[in-house]
Protein backbone atom coordinates (compact mmCIF):
# COMPACT_ATOMS: atom_id res chain seq x y z
CA UNK A 1 12.94 7.92 -6.86
CA UNK A 2 12.83 9.34 -3.32
CA UNK A 3 11.11 12.55 -4.46
CA UNK A 4 8.29 10.60 -6.09
CA UNK A 5 7.57 8.37 -3.10
CA UNK A 6 4.55 8.93 -0.90
CA UNK A 7 5.21 11.35 1.99
CA UNK A 8 3.00 9.11 4.19
CA UNK A 9 5.21 6.12 3.40
CA UNK A 10 8.37 8.09 4.15
CA UNK A 11 6.94 9.21 7.50
CA UNK A 12 5.95 5.66 8.47
CA UNK A 13 9.29 4.17 7.41
CA UNK A 14 11.06 6.47 9.90
CA UNK A 15 9.31 4.55 12.70
CA UNK A 16 10.29 1.06 11.51
CA UNK A 17 13.58 -0.34 12.76
CA UNK A 18 15.75 -3.03 11.13
CA UNK A 19 14.68 -3.02 7.48
CA UNK A 20 17.72 -4.78 6.02
CA UNK A 21 16.86 -8.04 4.22
CA UNK A 22 13.24 -7.90 5.34
CA UNK A 23 10.46 -8.75 2.88
CA UNK A 24 8.04 -6.10 1.63
CA UNK A 25 5.00 -6.25 -0.62
CA UNK A 26 3.97 -3.26 -2.71
CA UNK A 27 0.42 -4.19 -3.73
CA UNK A 28 -1.06 -2.45 -6.79
CA UNK A 29 2.36 -0.86 -7.24
CA UNK A 30 1.85 0.77 -10.64
CA UNK A 31 5.27 1.82 -11.94
CA UNK A 32 6.86 1.12 -8.55
CA UNK A 33 7.35 4.65 -7.24
CA UNK A 34 7.16 3.39 -3.65
CA UNK A 35 8.96 0.10 -4.31
CA UNK A 36 12.16 2.00 -5.03
CA UNK A 37 12.31 3.64 -1.60
CA UNK A 38 11.71 0.25 0.04
CA UNK A 39 14.61 -1.25 -1.93
CA UNK A 40 16.83 1.73 -1.04
CA UNK A 41 16.11 1.12 2.63
CA UNK A 42 17.14 -2.54 2.43
CA UNK A 43 13.88 -4.40 1.79
CA UNK A 44 13.54 -7.24 -0.68
CA UNK A 45 10.42 -6.12 -2.55
CA UNK A 46 7.65 -8.02 -4.31
CA UNK A 47 5.83 -5.46 -6.46
CA UNK A 48 2.45 -6.61 -7.80
CA UNK A 49 0.15 -4.98 -10.30
CA UNK A 50 -2.15 -6.07 -13.10
CA UNK A 51 -0.68 -3.55 -15.58
CA UNK A 52 2.24 -5.14 -17.43
CA UNK A 53 3.20 -1.83 -19.09
CA UNK A 54 3.58 -0.09 -15.72
CA UNK A 55 5.49 -3.04 -14.25
CA UNK A 56 7.97 -2.97 -17.16
CA UNK A 57 9.21 0.40 -15.85
CA UNK A 58 10.55 -1.24 -12.67
CA UNK A 59 14.26 -2.01 -13.01
CA UNK A 60 15.97 -2.88 -9.74
CA UNK A 61 17.59 -6.12 -8.53
CA UNK A 62 15.89 -5.86 -5.12
CA UNK A 63 12.43 -5.51 -6.69
CA UNK A 64 10.66 -8.57 -8.07
CA UNK A 65 7.85 -7.18 -10.25
CA UNK A 66 4.99 -9.53 -11.14
CA UNK A 67 1.75 -9.16 -13.06
CA UNK A 68 -1.10 -10.47 -10.92
CA UNK A 69 -4.78 -9.60 -10.75
CA UNK A 70 -5.18 -9.53 -6.96
CA UNK A 71 -8.89 -8.77 -7.27
CA UNK A 72 -9.46 -12.38 -8.28
CA UNK A 73 -9.39 -14.21 -4.96
CA UNK A 74 -8.37 -17.43 -6.72
CA UNK A 75 -5.27 -15.60 -7.98
CA UNK A 76 -4.31 -14.41 -4.52
CA UNK A 77 -0.55 -14.83 -4.82
CA UNK A 78 0.40 -14.57 -1.20
CA UNK A 79 -1.11 -17.62 0.47
CA UNK A 80 2.29 -19.09 1.29
CA UNK A 81 4.22 -15.83 1.64
CA UNK A 82 4.57 -13.63 4.70
CA UNK A 83 5.84 -10.07 4.67
CA UNK A 84 7.46 -7.75 7.18
CA UNK A 85 5.88 -4.76 5.46
CA UNK A 86 2.92 -4.40 3.12
CA UNK A 87 2.20 -1.09 1.45
CA UNK A 88 -0.88 -0.15 -0.58
CA UNK A 89 -1.55 3.22 -2.17
CA UNK A 90 -4.51 4.44 -4.23
CA UNK A 91 -6.13 1.01 -4.46
CA UNK A 92 -9.21 -0.39 -2.77
CA UNK A 93 -10.76 -3.83 -3.12
CA UNK A 94 -12.44 -4.70 0.15
CA UNK A 95 -12.71 -8.52 -0.27
CA UNK A 96 -8.91 -8.98 -0.08
CA UNK A 97 -8.40 -7.36 3.32
CA UNK A 98 -8.41 -10.72 5.21
CA UNK A 99 -5.72 -11.96 2.78
CA UNK A 100 -3.62 -8.84 3.26
CA UNK A 101 -3.77 -9.20 7.04
CA UNK A 102 -2.96 -12.92 6.96
CA UNK A 103 0.08 -12.20 4.74
CA UNK A 104 1.67 -9.99 7.39
CA UNK A 105 4.34 -11.43 9.70
CA UNK A 106 4.02 -10.98 13.45
CA UNK A 107 5.53 -7.55 14.22
CA UNK A 108 5.08 -6.69 10.53
CA UNK A 109 3.62 -3.36 9.43
CA UNK A 110 0.90 -2.27 7.04
CA UNK A 111 0.99 1.19 5.45
CA UNK A 112 -2.17 2.01 3.53
CA UNK A 113 -3.43 5.18 1.87
CA UNK A 114 -6.36 5.53 -0.49
CA UNK A 115 -9.25 7.74 -1.49
CA UNK A 116 -12.13 8.61 0.84
CA UNK A 117 -15.69 9.80 0.36
CA UNK A 118 -15.66 13.43 -0.69
CA UNK A 119 -12.78 12.91 -3.09
CA UNK A 120 -14.96 12.70 -6.22
CA UNK A 121 -15.33 16.50 -6.35
CA UNK A 122 -11.57 16.67 -7.09
CA UNK A 123 -11.37 13.98 -9.76
CA UNK A 124 -11.30 10.22 -10.22
CA UNK A 125 -12.15 7.88 -8.74
CA UNK A 126 -15.75 8.98 -8.46
CA UNK A 127 -17.27 5.49 -8.18
CA UNK A 128 -18.37 5.21 -4.55
CA UNK A 129 -17.20 1.57 -4.48
CA UNK A 130 -13.63 2.89 -4.57
CA UNK A 131 -14.04 5.52 -1.86
CA UNK A 132 -13.76 4.78 1.85
CA UNK A 133 -16.49 5.64 4.34
CA UNK A 134 -15.62 7.49 7.55
CA UNK A 135 -12.98 5.49 9.49
CA UNK A 136 -13.57 2.50 7.20
CA UNK A 137 -9.86 1.82 6.77
CA UNK A 138 -9.55 1.28 10.53
CA UNK A 139 -12.48 -1.15 10.49
CA UNK A 140 -11.13 -3.08 7.49
CA UNK A 141 -7.77 -3.62 9.18
CA UNK A 142 -9.01 -5.11 12.46
CA UNK A 143 -7.27 -6.98 14.25
CA UNK A 144 -4.05 -5.07 13.52
CA UNK A 145 -2.77 -2.58 16.08
CA UNK A 146 -3.24 1.04 15.00
CA UNK A 147 -0.15 3.25 15.18
CA UNK A 148 -1.47 6.22 13.18
CA UNK A 149 -4.61 7.23 11.28
CA UNK A 150 -5.45 10.27 9.20
CA UNK A 151 -8.56 11.33 7.32
CA UNK A 152 -7.31 14.37 5.47
CA UNK A 153 -7.27 16.64 2.47
CA UNK A 154 -3.98 16.29 0.65
CA UNK A 155 -3.07 19.29 -1.50
CA UNK A 156 -0.08 19.76 -3.71
CA UNK A 157 0.74 22.26 -6.44
CA UNK A 158 -1.21 20.19 -9.02
CA UNK A 159 -4.19 18.50 -7.32
CA UNK A 160 -6.23 17.97 -4.19
CA UNK A 161 -7.20 14.59 -2.75
CA UNK A 162 -9.47 13.36 0.05
CA UNK A 163 -7.62 10.42 1.64
CA UNK A 164 -7.55 8.02 4.55
CA UNK A 165 -4.23 6.68 5.79
CA UNK A 166 -3.30 4.05 8.34
CA UNK A 167 -0.06 2.75 9.77
CA UNK A 168 -0.54 -0.52 11.65
CA UNK A 169 1.39 -3.34 13.27
CA UNK A 170 0.59 -7.03 13.53
CA UNK A 171 1.18 -7.78 17.23
């Protein structure tokens, strides 16, 4: 699964020490492409998504896959849980940012990457509600300490994407 994992995640993980037996959350995980690399690196992973079919593809003892609609605040599954690492890719629902931040342990990290304004010319999502404004990801993650930020065009052999990425620490 390493080849399918996000390059941004792989870069951020290089900077995190002591991953063994730490707890990670992969929010809106889809089929778990990034959950696998977390498990390989020693994390105990909670992988959440609202798509049961995608979740059924996750088969790993270190990954606990659960169907949860995290967009319903009353369903927020993490009120009593704290994580050493939270990762979110290609998902944006602004009202849950305070919950994400409060679910992060002190010295825990947040790795986030999603679509930014300007992306719609390359494909979905085109709904402006799902596209970040300039530096919005930094603003949404206050009061976490910023380690790295990128507002970039991502191109591969198949597609192009306009993305924002952050790597943060809860200090």
